[in-house]
mmCIF file of all heavy atoms, coordinates in Angstrom:
data_MODEL
# 
_entry.id   MODEL 
# 
loop_
_atom_site.group_PDB 
_atom_site.id 
_atom_site.type_symbol 
_atom_site.label_atom_id 
_atom_site.label_alt_id 
_atom_site.label_comp_id 
_atom_site.label_asym_id 
_atom_site.label_entity_id 
_atom_site.label_seq_id 
_atom_site.pdbx_PDB_ins_code 
_atom_site.Cartn_x 
_atom_site.Cartn_y 
_atom_site.Cartn_z 
_atom_site.occupancy 
_atom_site.B_iso_or_equiv 
_atom_site.pdbx_formal_charge 
_atom_site.auth_seq_id 
_atom_site.auth_comp_id 
_atom_site.auth_asym_id 
_atom_site.auth_atom_id 
_atom_site.pdbx_PDB_model_num 
ATOM 1   N N   . GLY A 1 1  ? -10.172 12.882 -0.903  1.00 0.00 ? 1  GLY A N   1 
ATOM 2   C CA  . GLY A 1 1  ? -10.978 13.986 -1.639  1.00 0.00 ? 1  GLY A CA  1 
ATOM 3   C C   . GLY A 1 1  ? -10.274 14.517 -2.788  1.00 0.00 ? 1  GLY A C   1 
ATOM 4   O O   . GLY A 1 1  ? -10.883 15.373 -3.513  1.00 0.00 ? 1  GLY A O   1 
ATOM 5   N N   . ALA A 1 2  ? -9.025  14.115 -3.116  1.00 0.00 ? 2  ALA A N   1 
ATOM 6   C CA  . ALA A 1 2  ? -8.269  14.586 -4.239  1.00 0.00 ? 2  ALA A CA  1 
ATOM 7   C C   . ALA A 1 2  ? -9.156  14.383 -5.481  1.00 0.00 ? 2  ALA A C   1 
ATOM 8   O O   . ALA A 1 2  ? -9.797  13.361 -5.599  1.00 0.00 ? 2  ALA A O   1 
ATOM 9   C CB  . ALA A 1 2  ? -6.989  14.018 -4.307  1.00 0.00 ? 2  ALA A CB  1 
ATOM 10  N N   . LEU A 1 3  ? -9.058  15.312 -6.445  1.00 0.00 ? 3  LEU A N   1 
ATOM 11  C CA  . LEU A 1 3  ? -9.762  15.054 -7.722  1.00 0.00 ? 3  LEU A CA  1 
ATOM 12  C C   . LEU A 1 3  ? -8.796  14.342 -8.693  1.00 0.00 ? 3  LEU A C   1 
ATOM 13  O O   . LEU A 1 3  ? -7.728  14.709 -8.902  1.00 0.00 ? 3  LEU A O   1 
ATOM 14  C CB  . LEU A 1 3  ? -10.187 16.456 -8.343  1.00 0.00 ? 3  LEU A CB  1 
ATOM 15  C CG  . LEU A 1 3  ? -11.366 17.071 -7.647  1.00 0.00 ? 3  LEU A CG  1 
ATOM 16  C CD1 . LEU A 1 3  ? -11.697 18.301 -8.406  1.00 0.00 ? 3  LEU A CD1 1 
ATOM 17  C CD2 . LEU A 1 3  ? -12.562 16.190 -7.551  1.00 0.00 ? 3  LEU A CD2 1 
ATOM 18  N N   . LEU A 1 4  ? -9.438  13.381 -9.271  1.00 0.00 ? 4  LEU A N   1 
ATOM 19  C CA  . LEU A 1 4  ? -8.702  12.530 -10.325 1.00 0.00 ? 4  LEU A CA  1 
ATOM 20  C C   . LEU A 1 4  ? -9.365  12.664 -11.635 1.00 0.00 ? 4  LEU A C   1 
ATOM 21  O O   . LEU A 1 4  ? -10.531 12.870 -11.689 1.00 0.00 ? 4  LEU A O   1 
ATOM 22  C CB  . LEU A 1 4  ? -8.806  11.062 -9.873  1.00 0.00 ? 4  LEU A CB  1 
ATOM 23  C CG  . LEU A 1 4  ? -8.323  10.651 -8.453  1.00 0.00 ? 4  LEU A CG  1 
ATOM 24  C CD1 . LEU A 1 4  ? -8.521  9.150  -8.225  1.00 0.00 ? 4  LEU A CD1 1 
ATOM 25  C CD2 . LEU A 1 4  ? -6.891  11.026 -8.236  1.00 0.00 ? 4  LEU A CD2 1 
ATOM 26  N N   . THR A 1 5  ? -8.554  12.526 -12.740 1.00 0.00 ? 5  THR A N   1 
ATOM 27  C CA  . THR A 1 5  ? -9.178  12.377 -14.011 1.00 0.00 ? 5  THR A CA  1 
ATOM 28  C C   . THR A 1 5  ? -8.549  11.213 -14.852 1.00 0.00 ? 5  THR A C   1 
ATOM 29  O O   . THR A 1 5  ? -7.446  10.868 -14.463 1.00 0.00 ? 5  THR A O   1 
ATOM 30  C CB  . THR A 1 5  ? -8.788  13.763 -14.853 1.00 0.00 ? 5  THR A CB  1 
ATOM 31  O OG1 . THR A 1 5  ? -7.362  13.893 -14.944 1.00 0.00 ? 5  THR A OG1 1 
ATOM 32  C CG2 . THR A 1 5  ? -9.443  14.931 -14.305 1.00 0.00 ? 5  THR A CG2 1 
ATOM 33  N N   . CYS A 1 6  ? -9.385  10.723 -15.740 1.00 0.00 ? 6  CYS A N   1 
ATOM 34  C CA  . CYS A 1 6  ? -8.939  9.559  -16.620 1.00 0.00 ? 6  CYS A CA  1 
ATOM 35  C C   . CYS A 1 6  ? -8.964  10.068 -18.009 1.00 0.00 ? 6  CYS A C   1 
ATOM 36  O O   . CYS A 1 6  ? -9.918  10.725 -18.416 1.00 0.00 ? 6  CYS A O   1 
ATOM 37  C CB  . CYS A 1 6  ? -9.869  8.366  -16.432 1.00 0.00 ? 6  CYS A CB  1 
ATOM 38  S SG  . CYS A 1 6  ? -9.475  7.022  -17.523 1.00 0.00 ? 6  CYS A SG  1 
ATOM 39  N N   . SER A 1 7  ? -7.961  9.755  -18.731 1.00 0.00 ? 7  SER A N   1 
ATOM 40  C CA  . SER A 1 7  ? -7.829  10.177 -20.175 1.00 0.00 ? 7  SER A CA  1 
ATOM 41  C C   . SER A 1 7  ? -8.959  9.720  -20.989 1.00 0.00 ? 7  SER A C   1 
ATOM 42  O O   . SER A 1 7  ? -9.271  10.264 -22.048 1.00 0.00 ? 7  SER A O   1 
ATOM 43  C CB  . SER A 1 7  ? -6.534  9.763  -20.742 1.00 0.00 ? 7  SER A CB  1 
ATOM 44  O OG  . SER A 1 7  ? -6.331  8.367  -20.660 1.00 0.00 ? 7  SER A OG  1 
ATOM 45  N N   . PHE A 1 8  ? -9.778  8.676  -20.581 1.00 0.00 ? 8  PHE A N   1 
ATOM 46  C CA  . PHE A 1 8  ? -10.854 8.173  -21.311 1.00 0.00 ? 8  PHE A CA  1 
ATOM 47  C C   . PHE A 1 8  ? -12.259 8.353  -20.551 1.00 0.00 ? 8  PHE A C   1 
ATOM 48  O O   . PHE A 1 8  ? -13.308 7.938  -20.912 1.00 0.00 ? 8  PHE A O   1 
ATOM 49  C CB  . PHE A 1 8  ? -10.724 6.718  -21.624 1.00 0.00 ? 8  PHE A CB  1 
ATOM 50  C CG  . PHE A 1 8  ? -9.719  6.494  -22.783 1.00 0.00 ? 8  PHE A CG  1 
ATOM 51  C CD1 . PHE A 1 8  ? -8.568  5.665  -22.489 1.00 0.00 ? 8  PHE A CD1 1 
ATOM 52  C CD2 . PHE A 1 8  ? -9.791  7.028  -23.993 1.00 0.00 ? 8  PHE A CD2 1 
ATOM 53  C CE1 . PHE A 1 8  ? -7.653  5.519  -23.380 1.00 0.00 ? 8  PHE A CE1 1 
ATOM 54  C CE2 . PHE A 1 8  ? -8.881  6.900  -25.017 1.00 0.00 ? 8  PHE A CE2 1 
ATOM 55  C CZ  . PHE A 1 8  ? -7.785  5.976  -24.747 1.00 0.00 ? 8  PHE A CZ  1 
ATOM 56  N N   . GLY A 1 9  ? -12.152 9.024  -19.448 1.00 0.00 ? 9  GLY A N   1 
ATOM 57  C CA  . GLY A 1 9  ? -13.336 9.318  -18.556 1.00 0.00 ? 9  GLY A CA  1 
ATOM 58  C C   . GLY A 1 9  ? -14.016 10.600 -18.976 1.00 0.00 ? 9  GLY A C   1 
ATOM 59  O O   . GLY A 1 9  ? -13.307 11.486 -19.525 1.00 0.00 ? 9  GLY A O   1 
ATOM 60  N N   . MET A 1 10 ? -15.276 10.663 -18.716 1.00 0.00 ? 10 MET A N   1 
ATOM 61  C CA  . MET A 1 10 ? -16.051 11.933 -19.147 1.00 0.00 ? 10 MET A CA  1 
ATOM 62  C C   . MET A 1 10 ? -16.208 12.834 -17.991 1.00 0.00 ? 10 MET A C   1 
ATOM 63  O O   . MET A 1 10 ? -16.745 13.962 -18.216 1.00 0.00 ? 10 MET A O   1 
ATOM 64  C CB  . MET A 1 10 ? -17.396 11.467 -19.662 1.00 0.00 ? 10 MET A CB  1 
ATOM 65  C CG  . MET A 1 10 ? -17.206 10.747 -21.064 1.00 0.00 ? 10 MET A CG  1 
ATOM 66  S SD  . MET A 1 10 ? -18.731 10.303 -21.802 1.00 0.00 ? 10 MET A SD  1 
ATOM 67  C CE  . MET A 1 10 ? -19.268 11.888 -22.452 1.00 0.00 ? 10 MET A CE  1 
ATOM 68  N N   . ALA A 1 11 ? -15.822 12.515 -16.734 1.00 0.00 ? 11 ALA A N   1 
ATOM 69  C CA  . ALA A 1 11 ? -16.002 13.441 -15.655 1.00 0.00 ? 11 ALA A CA  1 
ATOM 70  C C   . ALA A 1 11 ? -14.919 13.096 -14.615 1.00 0.00 ? 11 ALA A C   1 
ATOM 71  O O   . ALA A 1 11 ? -14.360 11.940 -14.619 1.00 0.00 ? 11 ALA A O   1 
ATOM 72  C CB  . ALA A 1 11 ? -17.365 13.216 -15.007 1.00 0.00 ? 11 ALA A CB  1 
ATOM 73  N N   . PRO A 1 12 ? -14.520 14.068 -13.704 1.00 0.00 ? 12 PRO A N   1 
ATOM 74  C CA  . PRO A 1 12 ? -13.510 13.735 -12.672 1.00 0.00 ? 12 PRO A CA  1 
ATOM 75  C C   . PRO A 1 12 ? -14.124 12.929 -11.685 1.00 0.00 ? 12 PRO A C   1 
ATOM 76  O O   . PRO A 1 12 ? -15.340 12.655 -11.588 1.00 0.00 ? 12 PRO A O   1 
ATOM 77  C CB  . PRO A 1 12 ? -13.211 15.158 -12.119 1.00 0.00 ? 12 PRO A CB  1 
ATOM 78  C CG  . PRO A 1 12 ? -14.289 16.020 -12.572 1.00 0.00 ? 12 PRO A CG  1 
ATOM 79  C CD  . PRO A 1 12 ? -14.880 15.487 -13.784 1.00 0.00 ? 12 PRO A CD  1 
ATOM 80  N N   . SER A 1 13 ? -13.251 12.262 -10.772 1.00 0.00 ? 13 SER A N   1 
ATOM 81  C CA  . SER A 1 13 ? -13.694 11.386 -9.738  1.00 0.00 ? 13 SER A CA  1 
ATOM 82  C C   . SER A 1 13 ? -12.870 11.903 -8.457  1.00 0.00 ? 13 SER A C   1 
ATOM 83  O O   . SER A 1 13 ? -11.819 12.525 -8.598  1.00 0.00 ? 13 SER A O   1 
ATOM 84  C CB  . SER A 1 13 ? -13.350 10.006 -10.053 1.00 0.00 ? 13 SER A CB  1 
ATOM 85  O OG  . SER A 1 13 ? -13.765 9.160  -9.055  1.00 0.00 ? 13 SER A OG  1 
ATOM 86  N N   . ALA A 1 14 ? -13.309 11.587 -7.366  1.00 0.00 ? 14 ALA A N   1 
ATOM 87  C CA  . ALA A 1 14 ? -12.622 11.843 -6.054  1.00 0.00 ? 14 ALA A CA  1 
ATOM 88  C C   . ALA A 1 14 ? -11.962 10.612 -5.508  1.00 0.00 ? 14 ALA A C   1 
ATOM 89  O O   . ALA A 1 14 ? -12.512 9.461  -5.582  1.00 0.00 ? 14 ALA A O   1 
ATOM 90  C CB  . ALA A 1 14 ? -13.667 12.396 -5.032  1.00 0.00 ? 14 ALA A CB  1 
ATOM 91  N N   . LEU A 1 15 ? -10.709 10.859 -5.015  1.00 0.00 ? 15 LEU A N   1 
ATOM 92  C CA  . LEU A 1 15 ? -9.944  9.687  -4.419  1.00 0.00 ? 15 LEU A CA  1 
ATOM 93  C C   . LEU A 1 15 ? -10.551 9.465  -2.987  1.00 0.00 ? 15 LEU A C   1 
ATOM 94  O O   . LEU A 1 15 ? -10.683 10.476 -2.297  1.00 0.00 ? 15 LEU A O   1 
ATOM 95  C CB  . LEU A 1 15 ? -8.468  10.056 -4.224  1.00 0.00 ? 15 LEU A CB  1 
ATOM 96  C CG  . LEU A 1 15 ? -7.609  9.082  -3.644  1.00 0.00 ? 15 LEU A CG  1 
ATOM 97  C CD1 . LEU A 1 15 ? -7.446  7.791  -4.464  1.00 0.00 ? 15 LEU A CD1 1 
ATOM 98  C CD2 . LEU A 1 15 ? -6.236  9.547  -3.432  1.00 0.00 ? 15 LEU A CD2 1 
ATOM 99  N N   . VAL A 1 16 ? -10.721 8.232  -2.627  1.00 0.00 ? 16 VAL A N   1 
ATOM 100 C CA  . VAL A 1 16 ? -11.177 7.963  -1.277  1.00 0.00 ? 16 VAL A CA  1 
ATOM 101 C C   . VAL A 1 16 ? -9.974  7.166  -0.498  1.00 0.00 ? 16 VAL A C   1 
ATOM 102 O O   . VAL A 1 16 ? -9.535  6.163  -0.972  1.00 0.00 ? 16 VAL A O   1 
ATOM 103 C CB  . VAL A 1 16 ? -12.395 6.990  -1.238  1.00 0.00 ? 16 VAL A CB  1 
ATOM 104 C CG1 . VAL A 1 16 ? -12.759 6.642  0.165   1.00 0.00 ? 16 VAL A CG1 1 
ATOM 105 C CG2 . VAL A 1 16 ? -13.576 7.656  -2.042  1.00 0.00 ? 16 VAL A CG2 1 
ATOM 106 N N   . VAL A 1 17 ? -9.455  7.849  0.517   1.00 0.00 ? 17 VAL A N   1 
ATOM 107 C CA  . VAL A 1 17 ? -8.502  7.314  1.339   1.00 0.00 ? 17 VAL A CA  1 
ATOM 108 C C   . VAL A 1 17 ? -9.184  6.774  2.597   1.00 0.00 ? 17 VAL A C   1 
ATOM 109 O O   . VAL A 1 17 ? -9.710  7.539  3.406   1.00 0.00 ? 17 VAL A O   1 
ATOM 110 C CB  . VAL A 1 17 ? -7.430  8.349  1.737   1.00 0.00 ? 17 VAL A CB  1 
ATOM 111 C CG1 . VAL A 1 17 ? -6.302  7.609  2.582   1.00 0.00 ? 17 VAL A CG1 1 
ATOM 112 C CG2 . VAL A 1 17 ? -6.783  8.886  0.456   1.00 0.00 ? 17 VAL A CG2 1 
ATOM 113 N N   . THR A 1 18 ? -9.152  5.464  2.796   1.00 0.00 ? 18 THR A N   1 
ATOM 114 C CA  . THR A 1 18 ? -9.838  4.807  3.866   1.00 0.00 ? 18 THR A CA  1 
ATOM 115 C C   . THR A 1 18 ? -9.054  5.099  5.172   1.00 0.00 ? 18 THR A C   1 
ATOM 116 O O   . THR A 1 18 ? -7.843  5.261  5.173   1.00 0.00 ? 18 THR A O   1 
ATOM 117 C CB  . THR A 1 18 ? -10.160 3.357  3.633   1.00 0.00 ? 18 THR A CB  1 
ATOM 118 O OG1 . THR A 1 18 ? -8.852  2.766  3.202   1.00 0.00 ? 18 THR A OG1 1 
ATOM 119 C CG2 . THR A 1 18 ? -11.130 3.189  2.469   1.00 0.00 ? 18 THR A CG2 1 
ATOM 120 N N   . PRO A 1 19 ? -9.762  5.035  6.316   1.00 0.00 ? 19 PRO A N   1 
ATOM 121 C CA  . PRO A 1 19 ? -9.173  5.419  7.587   1.00 0.00 ? 19 PRO A CA  1 
ATOM 122 C C   . PRO A 1 19 ? -8.169  4.386  8.232   1.00 0.00 ? 19 PRO A C   1 
ATOM 123 O O   . PRO A 1 19 ? -7.571  4.830  9.176   1.00 0.00 ? 19 PRO A O   1 
ATOM 124 C CB  . PRO A 1 19 ? -10.313 5.539  8.546   1.00 0.00 ? 19 PRO A CB  1 
ATOM 125 C CG  . PRO A 1 19 ? -11.350 4.695  7.961   1.00 0.00 ? 19 PRO A CG  1 
ATOM 126 C CD  . PRO A 1 19 ? -11.159 4.787  6.522   1.00 0.00 ? 19 PRO A CD  1 
ATOM 127 N N   . GLU A 1 20 ? -7.925  3.286  7.639   1.00 0.00 ? 20 GLU A N   1 
ATOM 128 C CA  . GLU A 1 20 ? -6.975  2.335  8.224   1.00 0.00 ? 20 GLU A CA  1 
ATOM 129 C C   . GLU A 1 20 ? -5.531  2.830  8.288   1.00 0.00 ? 20 GLU A C   1 
ATOM 130 O O   . GLU A 1 20 ? -4.686  2.355  9.008   1.00 0.00 ? 20 GLU A O   1 
ATOM 131 C CB  . GLU A 1 20 ? -7.055  0.930  7.635   1.00 0.00 ? 20 GLU A CB  1 
ATOM 132 C CG  . GLU A 1 20 ? -6.654  0.848  6.172   1.00 0.00 ? 20 GLU A CG  1 
ATOM 133 C CD  . GLU A 1 20 ? -7.790  0.827  5.194   1.00 0.00 ? 20 GLU A CD  1 
ATOM 134 O OE1 . GLU A 1 20 ? -8.815  1.175  5.586   1.00 0.00 ? 20 GLU A OE1 1 
ATOM 135 O OE2 . GLU A 1 20 ? -7.515  0.531  4.036   1.00 0.00 ? 20 GLU A OE2 1 
ATOM 136 N N   . LYS A 1 21 ? -5.189  3.801  7.423   1.00 0.00 ? 21 LYS A N   1 
ATOM 137 C CA  . LYS A 1 21 ? -3.783  4.345  7.337   1.00 0.00 ? 21 LYS A CA  1 
ATOM 138 C C   . LYS A 1 21 ? -3.525  5.092  8.528   1.00 0.00 ? 21 LYS A C   1 
ATOM 139 O O   . LYS A 1 21 ? -2.425  5.088  9.044   1.00 0.00 ? 21 LYS A O   1 
ATOM 140 C CB  . LYS A 1 21 ? -3.701  5.175  6.102   1.00 0.00 ? 21 LYS A CB  1 
ATOM 141 C CG  . LYS A 1 21 ? -4.035  4.575  4.822   1.00 0.00 ? 21 LYS A CG  1 
ATOM 142 C CD  . LYS A 1 21 ? -2.848  3.680  4.356   1.00 0.00 ? 21 LYS A CD  1 
ATOM 143 C CE  . LYS A 1 21 ? -2.994  3.042  2.981   1.00 0.00 ? 21 LYS A CE  1 
ATOM 144 N NZ  . LYS A 1 21 ? -3.973  1.978  2.861   1.00 0.00 ? 21 LYS A NZ  1 
ATOM 145 N N   . ARG A 1 22 ? -4.358  6.017  9.002   1.00 0.00 ? 22 ARG A N   1 
ATOM 146 C CA  . ARG A 1 22 ? -4.318  6.966  10.191  1.00 0.00 ? 22 ARG A CA  1 
ATOM 147 C C   . ARG A 1 22 ? -3.061  7.774  10.081  1.00 0.00 ? 22 ARG A C   1 
ATOM 148 O O   . ARG A 1 22 ? -2.474  8.222  11.112  1.00 0.00 ? 22 ARG A O   1 
ATOM 149 C CB  . ARG A 1 22 ? -4.192  6.040  11.526  1.00 0.00 ? 22 ARG A CB  1 
ATOM 150 C CG  . ARG A 1 22 ? -5.546  5.344  11.757  1.00 0.00 ? 22 ARG A CG  1 
ATOM 151 C CD  . ARG A 1 22 ? -5.516  4.672  13.109  1.00 0.00 ? 22 ARG A CD  1 
ATOM 152 N NE  . ARG A 1 22 ? -6.792  3.963  13.361  1.00 0.00 ? 22 ARG A NE  1 
ATOM 153 C CZ  . ARG A 1 22 ? -6.879  2.704  13.126  1.00 0.00 ? 22 ARG A CZ  1 
ATOM 154 N NH1 . ARG A 1 22 ? -5.927  1.928  12.705  1.00 0.00 ? 22 ARG A NH1 1 
ATOM 155 N NH2 . ARG A 1 22 ? -8.026  2.112  13.354  1.00 0.00 ? 22 ARG A NH2 1 
ATOM 156 N N   . VAL A 1 23 ? -2.704  8.201  8.844   1.00 0.00 ? 23 VAL A N   1 
ATOM 157 C CA  . VAL A 1 23 ? -1.576  9.184  8.697   1.00 0.00 ? 23 VAL A CA  1 
ATOM 158 C C   . VAL A 1 23 ? -2.246  10.406 8.086   1.00 0.00 ? 23 VAL A C   1 
ATOM 159 O O   . VAL A 1 23 ? -3.081  10.304 7.143   1.00 0.00 ? 23 VAL A O   1 
ATOM 160 C CB  . VAL A 1 23 ? -0.554  8.656  7.792   1.00 0.00 ? 23 VAL A CB  1 
ATOM 161 C CG1 . VAL A 1 23 ? 0.487   9.786  7.490   1.00 0.00 ? 23 VAL A CG1 1 
ATOM 162 C CG2 . VAL A 1 23 ? 0.147   7.451  8.393   1.00 0.00 ? 23 VAL A CG2 1 
ATOM 163 N N   . MET A 1 24 ? -2.053  11.622 8.637   1.00 0.00 ? 24 MET A N   1 
ATOM 164 C CA  . MET A 1 24 ? -2.724  12.767 8.236   1.00 0.00 ? 24 MET A CA  1 
ATOM 165 C C   . MET A 1 24 ? -1.689  13.750 7.582   1.00 0.00 ? 24 MET A C   1 
ATOM 166 O O   . MET A 1 24 ? -0.601  13.803 7.933   1.00 0.00 ? 24 MET A O   1 
ATOM 167 C CB  . MET A 1 24 ? -3.418  13.517 9.420   1.00 0.00 ? 24 MET A CB  1 
ATOM 168 C CG  . MET A 1 24 ? -4.373  12.603 10.184  1.00 0.00 ? 24 MET A CG  1 
ATOM 169 S SD  . MET A 1 24 ? -5.766  12.085 9.311   1.00 0.00 ? 24 MET A SD  1 
ATOM 170 C CE  . MET A 1 24 ? -6.890  13.368 9.766   1.00 0.00 ? 24 MET A CE  1 
ATOM 171 N N   . SER A 1 25 ? -2.245  14.517 6.588   1.00 0.00 ? 25 SER A N   1 
ATOM 172 C CA  . SER A 1 25 ? -1.486  15.506 5.947   1.00 0.00 ? 25 SER A CA  1 
ATOM 173 C C   . SER A 1 25 ? -2.494  16.654 5.720   1.00 0.00 ? 25 SER A C   1 
ATOM 174 O O   . SER A 1 25 ? -3.513  16.423 5.049   1.00 0.00 ? 25 SER A O   1 
ATOM 175 C CB  . SER A 1 25 ? -0.891  15.006 4.575   1.00 0.00 ? 25 SER A CB  1 
ATOM 176 O OG  . SER A 1 25 ? -0.141  15.986 4.013   1.00 0.00 ? 25 SER A OG  1 
ATOM 177 N N   . SER A 1 26 ? -2.221  17.846 6.139   1.00 0.00 ? 26 SER A N   1 
ATOM 178 C CA  . SER A 1 26 ? -3.096  18.981 6.055   1.00 0.00 ? 26 SER A CA  1 
ATOM 179 C C   . SER A 1 26 ? -4.457  18.736 6.685   1.00 0.00 ? 26 SER A C   1 
ATOM 180 O O   . SER A 1 26 ? -5.444  19.014 6.150   1.00 0.00 ? 26 SER A O   1 
ATOM 181 C CB  . SER A 1 26 ? -3.298  19.511 4.637   1.00 0.00 ? 26 SER A CB  1 
ATOM 182 O OG  . SER A 1 26 ? -2.023  19.934 4.140   1.00 0.00 ? 26 SER A OG  1 
ATOM 183 N N   . MET A 1 27 ? -4.425  17.839 7.831   1.00 0.00 ? 27 MET A N   1 
ATOM 184 C CA  . MET A 1 27 ? -5.618  17.447 8.546   1.00 0.00 ? 27 MET A CA  1 
ATOM 185 C C   . MET A 1 27 ? -6.552  16.579 7.776   1.00 0.00 ? 27 MET A C   1 
ATOM 186 O O   . MET A 1 27 ? -7.695  16.466 8.043   1.00 0.00 ? 27 MET A O   1 
ATOM 187 C CB  . MET A 1 27 ? -6.350  18.686 9.049   1.00 0.00 ? 27 MET A CB  1 
ATOM 188 C CG  . MET A 1 27 ? -5.555  19.484 10.019  1.00 0.00 ? 27 MET A CG  1 
ATOM 189 S SD  . MET A 1 27 ? -6.216  21.092 10.673  1.00 0.00 ? 27 MET A SD  1 
ATOM 190 C CE  . MET A 1 27 ? -7.891  20.633 11.011  1.00 0.00 ? 27 MET A CE  1 
# 
């Protein structure tokens, strides 16, 4: 859910971390 920006993009995007990692940080 982290917000990402691209220097040539016109809007931010959200990072999707898929569940196969199974490592949690701040829940």
